[in-house]
Amino acid sequence: MDKLALILVIIGAINWGLIGLFQYDLVANLFGGPDSMVSRIIYTLVGLAGIYSIKFLVGDRERT
């Protein structure tokens, strides 16, 4: 689950980078626009992965 969340967060980061630099939404372009059901599902999964990944930030700090 951790690797899947990391992959989705990376996809989201790349997509936001493309939007910021070139005003190009890769997810929307590949899956039929920002309002298509597939794009919305991907956006939702990326958002959930981001929330899930918070555990890496505030997780067990005793591990080295």
C-alpha atoms as a PDB file:
ATOM      1  CA  MET A   1       0.000   0.000   0.000  1.00  0.00           C
ATOM      2  CA  ASP A   2       2.881   2.356   0.786  1.00  0.00           C
ATOM      3  CA  LYS A   3       4.410   1.954  -2.680  1.00  0.00           C
ATOM      4  CA  LEU A   4       1.046   2.493  -4.385  1.00  0.00           C
ATOM      5  CA  ALA A   5       0.500   5.677  -2.370  1.00  0.00           C
ATOM      6  CA  LEU A   6       3.995   6.872  -3.249  1.00  0.00           C
ATOM      7  CA  ILE A   7       3.433   6.203  -6.967  1.00  0.00           C
ATOM      8  CA  LEU A   8       0.157   8.142  -6.909  1.00  0.00           C
ATOM      9  CA  VAL A   9       1.735  11.053  -5.030  1.00  0.00           C
ATOM     10  CA  ILE A  10       4.555  11.153  -7.607  1.00  0.00           C
ATOM     11  CA  ILE A  11       2.004  11.167 -10.441  1.00  0.00           C
ATOM     12  CA  GLY A  12       0.206  14.054  -8.740  1.00  0.00           C
ATOM     13  CA  ALA A  13       3.448  15.967  -8.218  1.00  0.00           C
ATOM     14  CA  ILE A  14       4.469  15.542 -11.849  1.00  0.00           C
ATOM     15  CA  ASN A  15       1.022  16.629 -13.002  1.00  0.00           C
ATOM     16  CA  TRP A  16       1.091  19.738 -10.786  1.00  0.00           C
ATOM     17  CA  GLY A  17       4.589  20.537 -12.010  1.00  0.00           C
ATOM     18  CA  LEU A  18       3.411  20.362 -15.615  1.00  0.00           C
ATOM     19  CA  ILE A  19       0.427  22.557 -14.797  1.00  0.00           C
ATOM     20  CA  GLY A  20       2.624  25.111 -13.049  1.00  0.00           C
ATOM     21  CA  LEU A  21       5.325  25.232 -15.698  1.00  0.00           C
ATOM     22  CA  PHE A  22       3.418  24.718 -18.921  1.00  0.00           C
ATOM     23  CA  GLN A  23      -0.307  24.987 -18.058  1.00  0.00           C
ATOM     24  CA  TYR A  24      -0.599  21.370 -19.263  1.00  0.00           C
ATOM     25  CA  ASP A  25      -2.772  18.917 -17.326  1.00  0.00           C
ATOM     26  CA  LEU A  26      -1.438  15.488 -18.287  1.00  0.00           C
ATOM     27  CA  VAL A  27      -4.148  13.528 -16.473  1.00  0.00           C
ATOM     28  CA  ALA A  28      -6.934  15.513 -18.120  1.00  0.00           C
ATOM     29  CA  ASN A  29      -5.277  15.247 -21.508  1.00  0.00           C
ATOM     30  CA  LEU A  30      -4.861  11.471 -21.287  1.00  0.00           C
ATOM     31  CA  PHE A  31      -8.293  10.699 -19.897  1.00  0.00           C
ATOM     32  CA  GLY A  32     -10.736  12.997 -21.670  1.00  0.00           C
ATOM     33  CA  GLY A  33     -10.659  16.304 -19.843  1.00  0.00           C
ATOM     34  CA  PRO A  34     -10.768  17.399 -16.212  1.00  0.00           C
ATOM     35  CA  ASP A  35     -14.474  16.628 -15.897  1.00  0.00           C
ATOM     36  CA  SER A  36     -14.332  13.065 -17.241  1.00  0.00           C
ATOM     37  CA  MET A  37     -15.133  10.318 -14.755  1.00  0.00           C
ATOM     38  CA  VAL A  38     -11.726   8.643 -15.194  1.00  0.00           C
ATOM     39  CA  SER A  39      -9.845  11.898 -14.566  1.00  0.00           C
ATOM     40  CA  ARG A  40     -11.928  12.607 -11.480  1.00  0.00           C
ATOM     41  CA  ILE A  41     -11.218   9.101 -10.163  1.00  0.00           C
ATOM     42  CA  ILE A  42      -7.479   9.585 -10.704  1.00  0.00           C
ATOM     43  CA  TYR A  43      -7.568  13.010  -9.027  1.00  0.00           C
ATOM     44  CA  THR A  44      -9.435  11.457  -6.084  1.00  0.00           C
ATOM     45  CA  LEU A  45      -6.973   8.554  -5.787  1.00  0.00           C
ATOM     46  CA  VAL A  46      -4.023  10.963  -5.869  1.00  0.00           C
ATOM     47  CA  GLY A  47      -5.661  13.059  -3.144  1.00  0.00           C
ATOM     48  CA  LEU A  48      -6.330  10.015  -0.983  1.00  0.00           C
ATOM     49  CA  ALA A  49      -2.745   8.858  -1.501  1.00  0.00           C
ATOM     50  CA  GLY A  50      -1.554  12.273  -0.340  1.00  0.00           C
ATOM     51  CA  ILE A  51      -3.639  12.012   2.806  1.00  0.00           C
ATOM     52  CA  TYR A  52      -2.417   8.448   3.385  1.00  0.00           C
ATOM     53  CA  SER A  53       1.191   9.608   2.918  1.00  0.00           C
ATOM     54  CA  ILE A  54       0.908  12.009   5.859  1.00  0.00           C
ATOM     55  CA  LYS A  55       1.750   8.958   7.973  1.00  0.00           C
ATOM     56  CA  PHE A  56       5.290   9.068   6.547  1.00  0.00           C
ATOM     57  CA  LEU A  57       5.680  12.584   7.909  1.00  0.00           C
ATOM     58  CA  VAL A  58       4.226  12.045  11.376  1.00  0.00           C
ATOM     59  CA  GLY A  59       4.826   8.305  11.695  1.00  0.00           C
ATOM     60  CA  ASP A  60       7.012   6.447  14.138  1.00  0.00           C
ATOM     61  CA  ARG A  61       9.931   8.793  14.795  1.00  0.00           C
ATOM     62  CA  GLU A  62      11.836   6.217  16.880  1.00  0.00           C
ATOM     63  CA  ARG A  63      12.953   4.247  13.804  1.00  0.00           C
ATOM     64  CA  THR A  64      16.350   5.113  12.400  1.00  0.00           C
END
